[in-house]
Amino acid sequence: MRWILEEEKYLKKTYSTRISLEEISAKLGRTIRSIQRKAQEMGISRPRKVFDAEKLKIRQKRADEKYYLKNSKEIYQKKKLKRHRIKEELVFIKGGKCENCGYDRCISALEFHHEGDKKEDNLNTIIKNASKEKVLKEVEKCILLCANCHRELHNKGA
């Protein structure tokens, strides 16, 4: 079916506006694909959608939340394993045993004690959020103690 002059004029007038292709299709009685072909043939282009960064952030946040809800157990286990590996490495660097009594049976019972007022931040927060260099720098300021020796050290004045 050939295009008549009025149809071409209407297409030229409306195709480059925000009028939907469905509306143009209904008005002209043609398929969307035939309208797109004719517009390309005539050298007319559609305006691009306006990029909305705020909508994109909202969509990404929803997708992240949905992913986290679906995979929260696996994410938690991976983070827990990562923190444990980091602690193992740091304990190994500090000698692998309590510097006070020599306890070395359970890595979970070993803790880092900041000496003096050199403490920059909670070591657990640093391990979770900081670079490896910053973690190593902070651990250099610490001594490795078992949980009992650590509690005794903090409560010796009480």
N, C-alpha and C. Protein backbone atom coordinates (compact mmCIF):
# COMPACT_ATOMS: atom_id res chain seq x y z
N MET A 1 0.84 -1.17 0.00
CA MET A 1 0.00 0.00 0.00
C MET A 1 0.89 1.24 0.00
N ARG A 2 0.66 2.09 -0.96
CA ARG A 2 1.49 3.28 -1.13
C ARG A 2 1.07 4.37 -0.15
N TRP A 3 2.02 5.20 0.17
CA TRP A 3 1.77 6.33 1.05
C TRP A 3 1.26 7.51 0.24
N ILE A 4 0.24 8.16 0.76
CA ILE A 4 -0.26 9.35 0.08
C ILE A 4 0.40 10.58 0.72
N LEU A 5 0.32 11.68 0.05
CA LEU A 5 1.00 12.91 0.47
C LEU A 5 0.56 13.37 1.86
N GLU A 6 -0.73 13.30 2.17
CA GLU A 6 -1.23 13.71 3.49
C GLU A 6 -0.63 12.85 4.60
N GLU A 7 -0.51 11.54 4.35
CA GLU A 7 0.07 10.63 5.34
C GLU A 7 1.53 10.98 5.58
N GLU A 8 2.27 11.26 4.52
CA GLU A 8 3.67 11.64 4.65
C GLU A 8 3.82 12.94 5.43
N LYS A 9 2.95 13.91 5.15
CA LYS A 9 2.99 15.19 5.88
C LYS A 9 2.71 14.97 7.35
N TYR A 10 1.68 14.16 7.65
CA TYR A 10 1.33 13.88 9.05
C TYR A 10 2.50 13.18 9.75
N LEU A 11 3.11 12.23 9.05
CA LEU A 11 4.24 11.50 9.62
C LEU A 11 5.40 12.45 9.88
N LYS A 12 5.69 13.34 8.93
CA LYS A 12 6.78 14.30 9.08
C LYS A 12 6.52 15.22 10.27
N LYS A 13 5.25 15.61 10.47
CA LYS A 13 4.88 16.52 11.54
C LYS A 13 4.91 15.85 12.92
N THR A 14 4.52 14.59 13.00
CA THR A 14 4.35 13.95 14.31
C THR A 14 5.47 12.99 14.72
N TYR A 15 6.20 12.44 13.77
CA TYR A 15 7.18 11.39 14.10
C TYR A 15 8.30 11.90 15.01
N SER A 16 8.73 13.11 14.81
CA SER A 16 9.84 13.64 15.60
C SER A 16 9.36 14.29 16.91
N THR A 17 8.08 14.11 17.27
CA THR A 17 7.55 14.62 18.54
C THR A 17 7.45 13.47 19.54
N ARG A 18 6.89 13.76 20.68
CA ARG A 18 6.73 12.75 21.74
C ARG A 18 5.45 11.92 21.60
N ILE A 19 4.74 12.11 20.49
CA ILE A 19 3.53 11.31 20.26
C ILE A 19 3.95 9.86 20.07
N SER A 20 3.24 8.94 20.72
CA SER A 20 3.64 7.53 20.67
C SER A 20 3.42 6.96 19.27
N LEU A 21 4.19 5.96 18.96
CA LEU A 21 4.05 5.30 17.66
C LEU A 21 2.70 4.61 17.54
N GLU A 22 2.15 4.17 18.66
CA GLU A 22 0.83 3.54 18.64
C GLU A 22 -0.24 4.52 18.18
N GLU A 23 -0.14 5.76 18.67
CA GLU A 23 -1.10 6.79 18.27
C GLU A 23 -0.97 7.11 16.78
N ILE A 24 0.26 7.25 16.31
CA ILE A 24 0.49 7.53 14.89
C ILE A 24 -0.03 6.37 14.05
N SER A 25 0.22 5.16 14.51
CA SER A 25 -0.22 3.96 13.81
C SER A 25 -1.75 3.93 13.71
N ALA A 26 -2.43 4.24 14.81
CA ALA A 26 -3.90 4.24 14.80
C ALA A 26 -4.45 5.31 13.87
N LYS A 27 -3.83 6.48 13.87
CA LYS A 27 -4.29 7.59 13.03
C LYS A 27 -4.11 7.28 11.54
N LEU A 28 -2.96 6.67 11.20
CA LEU A 28 -2.68 6.40 9.78
C LEU A 28 -3.20 5.04 9.32
N GLY A 29 -3.52 4.16 10.26
CA GLY A 29 -4.00 2.83 9.88
C GLY A 29 -2.88 1.97 9.33
N ARG A 30 -1.68 2.15 9.84
CA ARG A 30 -0.51 1.38 9.38
C ARG A 30 0.19 0.75 10.57
N THR A 31 1.02 -0.24 10.28
CA THR A 31 1.76 -0.88 11.38
C THR A 31 2.90 0.02 11.84
N ILE A 32 3.32 -0.20 13.07
CA ILE A 32 4.42 0.59 13.62
C ILE A 32 5.68 0.37 12.79
N ARG A 33 5.92 -0.86 12.39
CA ARG A 33 7.12 -1.15 11.60
C ARG A 33 7.11 -0.41 10.26
N SER A 34 5.95 -0.34 9.60
CA SER A 34 5.88 0.37 8.31
C SER A 34 6.09 1.87 8.52
N ILE A 35 5.62 2.38 9.64
CA ILE A 35 5.82 3.80 9.96
C ILE A 35 7.32 4.06 10.19
N GLN A 36 7.98 3.17 10.93
CA GLN A 36 9.41 3.32 11.18
C GLN A 36 10.22 3.26 9.88
N ARG A 37 9.84 2.35 8.99
CA ARG A 37 10.55 2.23 7.69
C ARG A 37 10.39 3.49 6.86
N LYS A 38 9.17 4.00 6.81
CA LYS A 38 8.91 5.20 6.01
C LYS A 38 9.66 6.40 6.59
N ALA A 39 9.67 6.51 7.91
CA ALA A 39 10.38 7.62 8.56
C ALA A 39 11.88 7.52 8.28
N GLN A 40 12.42 6.32 8.31
CA GLN A 40 13.84 6.13 8.02
C GLN A 40 14.12 6.50 6.55
N GLU A 41 13.24 6.12 5.70
CA GLU A 41 13.36 6.43 4.28
C GLU A 41 13.31 7.95 4.06
N MET A 42 12.49 8.66 4.86
CA MET A 42 12.35 10.10 4.74
C MET A 42 13.45 10.85 5.52
N GLY A 43 14.23 10.13 6.32
CA GLY A 43 15.31 10.75 7.08
C GLY A 43 14.84 11.44 8.36
N ILE A 44 13.72 10.97 8.90
CA ILE A 44 13.18 11.54 10.14
C ILE A 44 13.58 10.64 11.30
N SER A 45 13.96 11.25 12.43
CA SER A 45 14.33 10.43 13.59
C SER A 45 13.44 10.76 14.78
N ARG A 46 13.29 9.79 15.66
CA ARG A 46 12.49 9.97 16.89
C ARG A 46 13.39 10.58 17.96
N PRO A 47 12.81 11.38 18.85
CA PRO A 47 13.61 11.90 19.97
C PRO A 47 13.95 10.77 20.93
N ARG A 48 15.14 10.82 21.46
CA ARG A 48 15.55 9.78 22.42
C ARG A 48 14.89 10.05 23.76
N LYS A 49 14.76 8.97 24.53
CA LYS A 49 14.20 9.12 25.87
C LYS A 49 15.17 9.92 26.71
N VAL A 50 14.61 10.76 27.56
CA VAL A 50 15.42 11.58 28.43
C VAL A 50 16.00 10.68 29.53
N PHE A 51 17.30 10.75 29.74
CA PHE A 51 17.97 9.95 30.76
C PHE A 51 17.70 10.56 32.13
N ASP A 52 17.12 9.78 33.01
CA ASP A 52 16.81 10.26 34.35
C ASP A 52 17.66 9.47 35.34
N ALA A 53 18.71 10.10 35.83
CA ALA A 53 19.65 9.43 36.74
C ALA A 53 18.98 9.02 38.04
N GLU A 54 18.04 9.83 38.51
CA GLU A 54 17.36 9.51 39.78
C GLU A 54 16.53 8.24 39.65
N LYS A 55 15.81 8.11 38.53
CA LYS A 55 15.02 6.90 38.31
C LYS A 55 15.92 5.68 38.19
N LEU A 56 17.06 5.86 37.55
CA LEU A 56 18.01 4.76 37.41
C LEU A 56 18.53 4.31 38.77
N LYS A 57 18.84 5.27 39.65
CA LYS A 57 19.30 4.93 41.00
C LYS A 57 18.24 4.17 41.77
N ILE A 58 17.00 4.63 41.67
CA ILE A 58 15.89 3.96 42.36
C ILE A 58 15.72 2.54 41.84
N ARG A 59 15.76 2.38 40.51
CA ARG A 59 15.64 1.04 39.92
C ARG A 59 16.76 0.13 40.36
N GLN A 60 18.00 0.67 40.39
CA GLN A 60 19.15 -0.12 40.80
C GLN A 60 19.04 -0.52 42.27
N LYS A 61 18.56 0.41 43.10
CA LYS A 61 18.40 0.12 44.53
C LYS A 61 17.39 -1.00 44.73
N ARG A 62 16.27 -0.93 44.01
CA ARG A 62 15.26 -1.99 44.10
C ARG A 62 15.82 -3.33 43.66
N ALA A 63 16.58 -3.31 42.58
CA ALA A 63 17.18 -4.56 42.09
C ALA A 63 18.17 -5.12 43.11
N ASP A 64 18.97 -4.24 43.72
CA ASP A 64 19.92 -4.69 44.74
C ASP A 64 19.20 -5.28 45.94
N GLU A 65 18.12 -4.61 46.39
CA GLU A 65 17.35 -5.12 47.52
C GLU A 65 16.73 -6.47 47.21
N LYS A 66 16.19 -6.61 46.01
CA LYS A 66 15.58 -7.87 45.59
C LYS A 66 16.63 -8.98 45.54
N TYR A 67 17.80 -8.66 45.00
CA TYR A 67 18.89 -9.64 44.94
C TYR A 67 19.33 -10.03 46.34
N TYR A 68 19.46 -9.04 47.23
CA TYR A 68 19.91 -9.33 48.59
C TYR A 68 18.90 -10.21 49.32
N LEU A 69 17.60 -9.90 49.19
CA LEU A 69 16.58 -10.72 49.83
C LEU A 69 16.62 -12.17 49.34
N LYS A 70 16.85 -12.33 48.04
CA LYS A 70 16.89 -13.66 47.46
C LYS A 70 18.15 -14.42 47.87
N ASN A 71 19.27 -13.72 48.04
CA ASN A 71 20.56 -14.38 48.28
C ASN A 71 21.21 -14.01 49.60
N SER A 72 20.43 -13.54 50.58
CA SER A 72 21.01 -13.01 51.82
C SER A 72 21.84 -14.04 52.59
N LYS A 73 21.40 -15.28 52.62
CA LYS A 73 22.15 -16.30 53.36
C LYS A 73 23.52 -16.54 52.75
N GLU A 74 23.56 -16.64 51.42
CA GLU A 74 24.84 -16.86 50.74
C GLU A 74 25.76 -15.65 50.90
N ILE A 75 25.19 -14.45 50.81
CA ILE A 75 25.98 -13.23 50.97
C ILE A 75 26.57 -13.18 52.38
N TYR A 76 25.75 -13.48 53.38
CA TYR A 76 26.22 -13.47 54.76
C TYR A 76 27.35 -14.49 54.95
N GLN A 77 27.18 -15.69 54.40
CA GLN A 77 28.21 -16.72 54.55
C GLN A 77 29.52 -16.31 53.87
N LYS A 78 29.43 -15.69 52.70
CA LYS A 78 30.64 -15.24 52.00
C LYS A 78 31.37 -14.17 52.79
N LYS A 79 30.60 -13.21 53.35
CA LYS A 79 31.22 -12.15 54.15
C LYS A 79 31.86 -12.72 55.40
N LYS A 80 31.18 -13.67 56.04
CA LYS A 80 31.70 -14.30 57.26
C LYS A 80 33.00 -15.04 56.96
N LEU A 81 33.02 -15.78 55.86
CA LEU A 81 34.21 -16.52 55.46
C LEU A 81 35.36 -15.57 55.13
N LYS A 82 35.05 -14.46 54.45
CA LYS A 82 36.08 -13.48 54.11
C LYS A 82 36.69 -12.88 55.37
N ARG A 83 35.85 -12.48 56.34
CA ARG A 83 36.36 -11.92 57.60
C ARG A 83 37.21 -12.94 58.35
N HIS A 84 36.79 -14.22 58.33
CA HIS A 84 37.55 -15.27 59.02
C HIS A 84 38.93 -15.45 58.37
N ARG A 85 38.96 -15.44 57.03
CA ARG A 85 40.26 -15.58 56.33
C ARG A 85 41.19 -14.41 56.67
N ILE A 86 40.63 -13.21 56.70
CA ILE A 86 41.43 -12.02 57.03
C ILE A 86 41.97 -12.15 58.44
N LYS A 87 41.11 -12.59 59.38
CA LYS A 87 41.55 -12.74 60.76
C LYS A 87 42.65 -13.80 60.86
N GLU A 88 42.48 -14.91 60.14
CA GLU A 88 43.52 -15.95 60.14
C GLU A 88 44.86 -15.38 59.69
N GLU A 89 44.82 -14.60 58.62
CA GLU A 89 46.04 -14.00 58.09
C GLU A 89 46.68 -13.03 59.09
N LEU A 90 45.85 -12.22 59.73
CA LEU A 90 46.35 -11.25 60.70
C LEU A 90 46.90 -11.95 61.94
N VAL A 91 46.22 -13.00 62.39
CA VAL A 91 46.71 -13.77 63.54
C VAL A 91 48.05 -14.40 63.20
N PHE A 92 48.18 -14.93 62.00
CA PHE A 92 49.44 -15.53 61.58
C PHE A 92 50.56 -14.49 61.58
N ILE A 93 50.25 -13.28 61.11
CA ILE A 93 51.24 -12.20 61.08
C ILE A 93 51.70 -11.84 62.50
N LYS A 94 50.78 -11.88 63.45
CA LYS A 94 51.10 -11.52 64.84
C LYS A 94 51.65 -12.69 65.66
N GLY A 95 51.92 -13.82 65.04
CA GLY A 95 52.56 -14.93 65.74
C GLY A 95 51.68 -16.13 66.00
N GLY A 96 50.37 -16.00 65.87
CA GLY A 96 49.48 -17.14 65.97
C GLY A 96 49.12 -17.58 67.38
N LYS A 97 49.56 -16.86 68.42
CA LYS A 97 49.21 -17.26 69.79
C LYS A 97 49.15 -16.03 70.68
N CYS A 98 48.51 -16.21 71.84
CA CYS A 98 48.39 -15.12 72.80
C CYS A 98 49.78 -14.71 73.26
N GLU A 99 50.03 -13.42 73.21
CA GLU A 99 51.35 -12.93 73.59
C GLU A 99 51.56 -12.95 75.10
N ASN A 100 50.49 -13.17 75.86
CA ASN A 100 50.58 -13.20 77.32
C ASN A 100 50.75 -14.63 77.85
N CYS A 101 49.85 -15.54 77.42
CA CYS A 101 49.88 -16.89 77.99
C CYS A 101 50.24 -17.98 76.98
N GLY A 102 50.27 -17.66 75.70
CA GLY A 102 50.65 -18.65 74.69
C GLY A 102 49.50 -19.47 74.14
N TYR A 103 48.25 -19.14 74.48
CA TYR A 103 47.07 -19.88 73.99
C TYR A 103 47.00 -19.81 72.47
N ASP A 104 46.76 -20.99 71.83
CA ASP A 104 46.70 -21.01 70.36
C ASP A 104 45.73 -22.05 69.81
N ARG A 105 44.83 -22.57 70.64
CA ARG A 105 43.95 -23.66 70.21
C ARG A 105 42.79 -23.21 69.32
N CYS A 106 42.20 -22.05 69.57
CA CYS A 106 41.02 -21.62 68.80
C CYS A 106 41.22 -20.18 68.34
N ILE A 107 41.18 -20.00 67.03
CA ILE A 107 41.41 -18.66 66.48
C ILE A 107 40.30 -17.68 66.88
N SER A 108 39.10 -18.19 67.12
CA SER A 108 37.99 -17.32 67.52
C SER A 108 38.20 -16.72 68.90
N ALA A 109 39.03 -17.36 69.72
CA ALA A 109 39.28 -16.86 71.07
C ALA A 109 40.44 -15.87 71.11
N LEU A 110 41.08 -15.63 69.97
CA LEU A 110 42.18 -14.67 69.91
C LEU A 110 41.66 -13.31 69.47
N GLU A 111 42.12 -12.27 70.16
CA GLU A 111 41.64 -10.92 69.89
C GLU A 111 42.82 -9.95 69.81
N PHE A 112 42.59 -8.84 69.13
CA PHE A 112 43.61 -7.81 69.00
C PHE A 112 43.36 -6.72 70.03
N HIS A 113 44.40 -6.35 70.76
CA HIS A 113 44.30 -5.30 71.77
C HIS A 113 45.17 -4.13 71.34
N HIS A 114 44.54 -2.96 71.23
CA HIS A 114 45.30 -1.75 70.90
C HIS A 114 46.09 -1.32 72.11
N GLU A 115 47.33 -1.01 71.89
CA GLU A 115 48.18 -0.55 72.97
C GLU A 115 48.11 0.98 73.04
N GLY A 116 47.87 1.51 74.24
CA GLY A 116 47.87 2.96 74.44
C GLY A 116 46.72 3.65 73.74
N ASP A 117 46.93 4.91 73.36
CA ASP A 117 45.90 5.73 72.71
C ASP A 117 46.08 5.76 71.20
N LYS A 118 46.70 4.75 70.65
CA LYS A 118 46.97 4.71 69.21
C LYS A 118 45.74 4.27 68.41
N LYS A 119 44.67 3.89 69.09
CA LYS A 119 43.49 3.33 68.42
C LYS A 119 42.85 4.34 67.48
N GLU A 120 42.76 3.99 66.22
CA GLU A 120 42.16 4.87 65.22
C GLU A 120 40.67 4.62 65.11
N ASP A 121 40.28 3.35 65.09
CA ASP A 121 38.88 2.96 64.94
C ASP A 121 38.75 1.52 65.39
N ASN A 122 37.53 1.03 65.50
CA ASN A 122 37.31 -0.37 65.84
C ASN A 122 37.91 -1.24 64.74
N LEU A 123 38.70 -2.22 65.13
CA LEU A 123 39.41 -3.06 64.14
C LEU A 123 38.43 -3.84 63.26
N ASN A 124 37.30 -4.28 63.82
CA ASN A 124 36.31 -5.01 63.02
C ASN A 124 35.77 -4.11 61.90
N THR A 125 35.52 -2.85 62.21
CA THR A 125 35.03 -1.91 61.20
C THR A 125 36.08 -1.70 60.12
N ILE A 126 37.33 -1.60 60.53
CA ILE A 126 38.42 -1.41 59.56
C ILE A 126 38.54 -2.63 58.66
N ILE A 127 38.47 -3.82 59.25
CA ILE A 127 38.58 -5.06 58.45
C ILE A 127 37.46 -5.12 57.42
N LYS A 128 36.24 -4.73 57.79
CA LYS A 128 35.10 -4.79 56.87
C LYS A 128 35.22 -3.77 55.74
N ASN A 129 35.73 -2.58 56.05
CA ASN A 129 35.61 -1.47 55.10
C ASN A 129 36.90 -0.95 54.49
N ALA A 130 38.05 -1.22 55.10
CA ALA A 130 39.27 -0.55 54.66
C ALA A 130 40.11 -1.45 53.75
N SER A 131 41.13 -0.83 53.18
CA SER A 131 42.05 -1.56 52.33
C SER A 131 42.96 -2.43 53.18
N LYS A 132 43.61 -3.38 52.53
CA LYS A 132 44.50 -4.30 53.24
C LYS A 132 45.65 -3.55 53.90
N GLU A 133 46.17 -2.54 53.25
CA GLU A 133 47.29 -1.76 53.80
C GLU A 133 46.88 -1.07 55.10
N LYS A 134 45.67 -0.51 55.11
CA LYS A 134 45.20 0.18 56.31
C LYS A 134 44.98 -0.81 57.46
N VAL A 135 44.46 -1.98 57.14
CA VAL A 135 44.25 -3.02 58.15
C VAL A 135 45.59 -3.44 58.74
N LEU A 136 46.58 -3.70 57.88
CA LEU A 136 47.91 -4.10 58.37
C LEU A 136 48.54 -3.02 59.23
N LYS A 137 48.38 -1.76 58.83
CA LYS A 137 48.92 -0.64 59.59
C LYS A 137 48.29 -0.59 60.99
N GLU A 138 46.98 -0.82 61.06
CA GLU A 138 46.28 -0.78 62.34
C GLU A 138 46.66 -1.98 63.22
N VAL A 139 46.85 -3.15 62.61
CA VAL A 139 47.20 -4.36 63.37
C VAL A 139 48.61 -4.23 63.95
N GLU A 140 49.48 -3.49 63.29
CA GLU A 140 50.83 -3.28 63.82
C GLU A 140 50.79 -2.59 65.18
N LYS A 141 49.73 -1.83 65.44
CA LYS A 141 49.59 -1.12 66.72
C LYS A 141 49.02 -2.02 67.82
N CYS A 142 48.72 -3.27 67.49
CA CYS A 142 48.02 -4.15 68.42
C CYS A 142 48.92 -5.27 68.93
N ILE A 143 48.47 -5.87 70.04
CA ILE A 143 49.07 -7.13 70.49
C ILE A 143 47.97 -8.18 70.42
N LEU A 144 48.36 -9.44 70.23
CA LEU A 144 47.41 -10.54 70.11
C LEU A 144 47.25 -11.19 71.47
N LEU A 145 45.99 -11.23 71.95
CA LEU A 145 45.69 -11.83 73.25
C LEU A 145 44.53 -12.80 73.11
N CYS A 146 44.50 -13.79 74.02
CA CYS A 146 43.32 -14.65 74.07
C CYS A 146 42.21 -13.86 74.78
N ALA A 147 40.98 -14.33 74.68
CA ALA A 147 39.85 -13.60 75.25
C ALA A 147 40.02 -13.39 76.76
N ASN A 148 40.50 -14.41 77.48
CA ASN A 148 40.66 -14.27 78.93
C ASN A 148 41.70 -13.21 79.28
N CYS A 149 42.85 -13.27 78.66
CA CYS A 149 43.90 -12.28 78.94
C CYS A 149 43.45 -10.87 78.55
N HIS A 150 42.70 -10.77 77.47
CA HIS A 150 42.20 -9.48 77.02
C HIS A 150 41.25 -8.88 78.06
N ARG A 151 40.31 -9.71 78.59
CA ARG A 151 39.37 -9.22 79.61
C ARG A 151 40.12 -8.84 80.89
N GLU A 152 41.09 -9.66 81.28
CA GLU A 152 41.87 -9.37 82.47
C GLU A 152 42.63 -8.05 82.32
N LEU A 153 43.20 -7.82 81.12
CA LEU A 153 43.95 -6.59 80.87
C LEU A 153 43.04 -5.36 81.01
N HIS A 154 41.82 -5.46 80.46
CA HIS A 154 40.91 -4.32 80.53
C HIS A 154 40.33 -4.12 81.93
N ASN A 155 40.25 -5.17 82.74
CA ASN A 155 39.62 -5.06 84.05
C ASN A 155 40.60 -5.13 85.20
N LYS A 156 41.88 -4.94 84.96
CA LYS A 156 42.86 -5.06 86.04
C LYS A 156 42.71 -3.96 87.08
N GLY A 157 42.16 -2.82 86.71
CA GLY A 157 41.97 -1.73 87.66
C GLY A 157 40.68 -1.84 88.45
N ALA A 158 39.77 -2.73 88.02
CA ALA A 158 38.46 -2.83 88.68
C ALA A 158 38.47 -3.71 89.89
